[in-house]
């Protein structure tokens, strides 16, 4: 899964989505470890 590049045009909604994806991935890694 490729994450979109952060640019000056990144919207708050995109930033929120990125943080949500990162949080889910982190939770998943914790669950697997």
C-alpha atoms as a PDB file:
ATOM      1  CA  UNK A   1       0.000   0.000   0.000  1.00  0.00           C
ATOM      2  CA  UNK A   2       1.542   3.275  -1.112  1.00  0.00           C
ATOM      3  CA  UNK A   3       0.986   6.342   0.981  1.00  0.00           C
ATOM      4  CA  UNK A   4       0.333   9.593  -0.846  1.00  0.00           C
ATOM      5  CA  UNK A   5       3.206  12.042  -0.791  1.00  0.00           C
ATOM      6  CA  UNK A   6       2.784  14.942   1.572  1.00  0.00           C
ATOM      7  CA  UNK A   7       2.767  18.189  -0.323  1.00  0.00           C
ATOM      8  CA  UNK A   8       1.687  21.769   0.226  1.00  0.00           C
ATOM      9  CA  UNK A   9      -1.617  20.691  -1.306  1.00  0.00           C
ATOM     10  CA  UNK A  10      -2.303  17.951   1.222  1.00  0.00           C
ATOM     11  CA  UNK A  11      -5.701  18.673   2.716  1.00  0.00           C
ATOM     12  CA  UNK A  12      -6.602  18.256   6.388  1.00  0.00           C
ATOM     13  CA  UNK A  13      -8.874  15.396   5.349  1.00  0.00           C
ATOM     14  CA  UNK A  14      -5.988  13.592   3.660  1.00  0.00           C
ATOM     15  CA  UNK A  15      -3.809  14.184   6.699  1.00  0.00           C
ATOM     16  CA  UNK A  16      -6.545  12.730   8.914  1.00  0.00           C
ATOM     17  CA  UNK A  17      -6.809   9.678   6.670  1.00  0.00           C
ATOM     18  CA  UNK A  18      -3.044   9.177   6.839  1.00  0.00           C
ATOM     19  CA  UNK A  19      -3.050   9.374  10.628  1.00  0.00           C
ATOM     20  CA  UNK A  20      -5.958   6.935  10.805  1.00  0.00           C
ATOM     21  CA  UNK A  21      -4.135   4.466   8.539  1.00  0.00           C
ATOM     22  CA  UNK A  22      -0.968   4.793  10.609  1.00  0.00           C
ATOM     23  CA  UNK A  23      -2.891   4.237  13.835  1.00  0.00           C
ATOM     24  CA  UNK A  24      -4.628   1.149  12.450  1.00  0.00           C
ATOM     25  CA  UNK A  25      -1.321  -0.245  11.206  1.00  0.00           C
ATOM     26  CA  UNK A  26       0.230   0.382  14.621  1.00  0.00           C
ATOM     27  CA  UNK A  27      -2.669  -1.372  16.365  1.00  0.00           C
ATOM     28  CA  UNK A  28      -2.347  -4.287  13.963  1.00  0.00           C
ATOM     29  CA  UNK A  29       1.375  -4.648  14.649  1.00  0.00           C
ATOM     30  CA  UNK A  30       0.728  -4.586  18.389  1.00  0.00           C
ATOM     31  CA  UNK A  31      -1.938  -7.259  18.012  1.00  0.00           C
ATOM     32  CA  UNK A  32       0.417  -9.489  16.033  1.00  0.00           C
ATOM     33  CA  UNK A  33       3.403  -9.124  18.355  1.00  0.00           C
END
